[in-house]
Amino acid sequence: MFYMWTESEQFGIMSMTGMSSELQDAIPEVQIICRKIRPHAEIQAGKNYYVFIAVKYKTQLVNGTNYFIKVHVGGDEYVHLRVYESLPHAGSKLELCGIQMSKTRFDPVEFF
């Protein structure tokens, strides 16, 4: 299998293409992604969330970036989002690729 080393300019970290990063505390840029994708998440979940705060995240460099984000949605409830962001030359568009509901703050953020 061939891996290409790339440097993530946005986060200043080294990562192998296809491999996910370590779990990190959410940064403001990840909260902005959540704010933009929230309406799509609420439609897929079939409910409106009172709060929608990114807590933790991982990234995976592909032909763009996959974000795996743990989001606090109120009380003891969390959801995990998989969001794809296309490369800048393709418009850096965001797409919600999946949502896992009924998560807790202790559930690991994993590829899905």
Protein backbone atom coordinates (compact mmCIF):
# COMPACT_ATOMS: atom_id res chain seq x y z
CA MET A 1 0.00 0.00 0.00
CA PHE A 2 1.32 3.46 -0.89
CA TYR A 3 1.04 6.38 1.52
CA MET A 4 2.02 9.93 0.75
CA TRP A 5 3.09 12.25 3.56
CA THR A 6 1.35 15.62 3.42
CA GLU A 7 1.38 18.58 5.73
CA SER A 8 -1.92 19.99 6.89
CA GLU A 9 -1.50 23.74 6.44
CA GLN A 10 -4.70 24.47 8.30
CA PHE A 11 -3.67 22.71 11.52
CA GLY A 12 0.13 22.65 11.20
CA ILE A 13 0.41 18.90 11.81
CA MET A 14 1.92 16.05 9.88
CA SER A 15 -0.40 13.19 8.90
CA MET A 16 -0.28 10.27 6.51
CA THR A 17 -2.92 10.41 3.80
CA GLY A 18 -5.71 8.00 4.68
CA MET A 19 -4.78 7.74 8.36
CA SER A 20 -6.76 9.59 11.01
CA SER A 21 -5.20 12.09 13.40
CA GLU A 22 -5.20 11.77 17.17
CA LEU A 23 -8.31 12.92 19.02
CA GLN A 24 -8.03 16.62 19.86
CA ASP A 25 -10.03 19.27 21.67
CA ALA A 26 -12.27 21.12 19.23
CA ILE A 27 -10.85 24.39 17.92
CA PRO A 28 -12.87 27.40 16.66
CA GLU A 29 -12.55 26.25 13.03
CA VAL A 30 -14.27 22.95 13.92
CA GLN A 31 -17.09 24.81 15.69
CA ILE A 32 -17.59 26.87 12.51
CA ILE A 33 -17.92 23.62 10.53
CA CYS A 34 -20.52 22.39 13.05
CA ARG A 35 -22.46 25.63 12.80
CA LYS A 36 -22.63 25.30 9.02
CA ILE A 37 -23.57 21.61 9.03
CA ARG A 38 -26.05 21.78 11.96
CA PRO A 39 -29.23 22.16 9.84
CA HIS A 40 -28.30 19.03 7.86
CA ALA A 41 -27.57 17.10 11.07
CA GLU A 42 -30.91 18.10 12.55
CA ILE A 43 -32.72 16.94 9.41
CA GLN A 44 -30.94 13.56 9.45
CA ALA A 45 -31.58 13.17 13.19
CA GLY A 46 -35.22 14.23 12.84
CA LYS A 47 -34.97 16.72 15.69
CA ASN A 48 -33.76 20.18 16.63
CA TYR A 49 -30.98 20.49 19.16
CA TYR A 50 -30.98 23.15 21.86
CA VAL A 51 -27.16 23.23 21.92
CA PHE A 52 -24.69 22.06 19.28
CA ILE A 53 -21.14 22.44 20.55
CA ALA A 54 -18.10 20.69 19.08
CA VAL A 55 -16.10 19.04 21.88
CA LYS A 56 -13.51 16.74 20.27
CA TYR A 57 -12.47 15.87 16.73
CA LYS A 58 -10.20 13.81 14.51
CA THR A 59 -9.30 14.40 10.88
CA GLN A 60 -8.49 12.08 8.00
CA LEU A 61 -6.70 13.42 4.94
CA VAL A 62 -8.18 12.00 1.74
CA ASN A 63 -8.96 13.90 -1.45
CA GLY A 64 -10.00 16.66 0.96
CA THR A 65 -10.54 16.20 4.70
CA ASN A 66 -12.91 14.00 6.69
CA TYR A 67 -13.78 15.41 10.11
CA PHE A 68 -15.04 13.07 12.83
CA ILE A 69 -16.56 15.39 15.43
CA LYS A 70 -18.06 14.74 18.87
CA VAL A 71 -20.82 17.31 19.42
CA HIS A 72 -22.61 18.04 22.71
CA VAL A 73 -26.33 18.40 21.97
CA GLY A 74 -27.67 18.93 25.50
CA GLY A 75 -27.82 17.15 28.84
CA ASP A 76 -25.76 13.96 28.72
CA GLU A 77 -26.36 13.51 24.98
CA TYR A 78 -23.76 13.70 22.23
CA VAL A 79 -23.71 12.95 18.52
CA HIS A 80 -20.79 12.04 16.30
CA LEU A 81 -20.59 13.66 12.87
CA ARG A 82 -18.62 12.69 9.82
CA VAL A 83 -18.14 15.81 7.68
CA TYR A 84 -16.22 15.92 4.41
CA GLU A 85 -14.56 19.16 3.27
CA SER A 86 -13.42 19.25 -0.35
CA LEU A 87 -10.06 20.71 -1.35
CA PRO A 88 -9.77 24.49 -1.86
CA HIS A 89 -9.60 24.19 -5.66
CA ALA A 90 -12.98 22.38 -5.46
CA GLY A 91 -14.50 25.14 -3.33
CA SER A 92 -13.87 23.77 0.19
CA LYS A 93 -17.49 22.57 0.25
CA LEU A 94 -18.84 20.80 3.35
CA GLU A 95 -20.95 17.65 3.23
CA LEU A 96 -22.46 15.74 6.14
CA CYS A 97 -21.62 12.11 5.37
CA GLY A 98 -23.01 10.55 8.53
CA ILE A 99 -24.33 11.03 12.03
CA GLN A 100 -24.27 8.69 15.01
CA MET A 101 -26.82 9.54 17.69
CA SER A 102 -27.27 8.55 21.34
CA LYS A 103 -23.59 8.89 22.17
CA THR A 104 -22.10 9.80 25.54
CA ARG A 105 -19.08 11.92 26.39
CA PHE A 106 -17.18 8.67 27.00
CA ASP A 107 -17.86 7.06 23.61
CA PRO A 108 -14.74 7.03 21.42
CA VAL A 109 -14.73 9.01 18.20
CA GLU A 110 -14.06 6.44 15.49
CA PHE A 111 -14.22 6.11 11.72
CA PHE A 112 -17.74 5.45 10.41
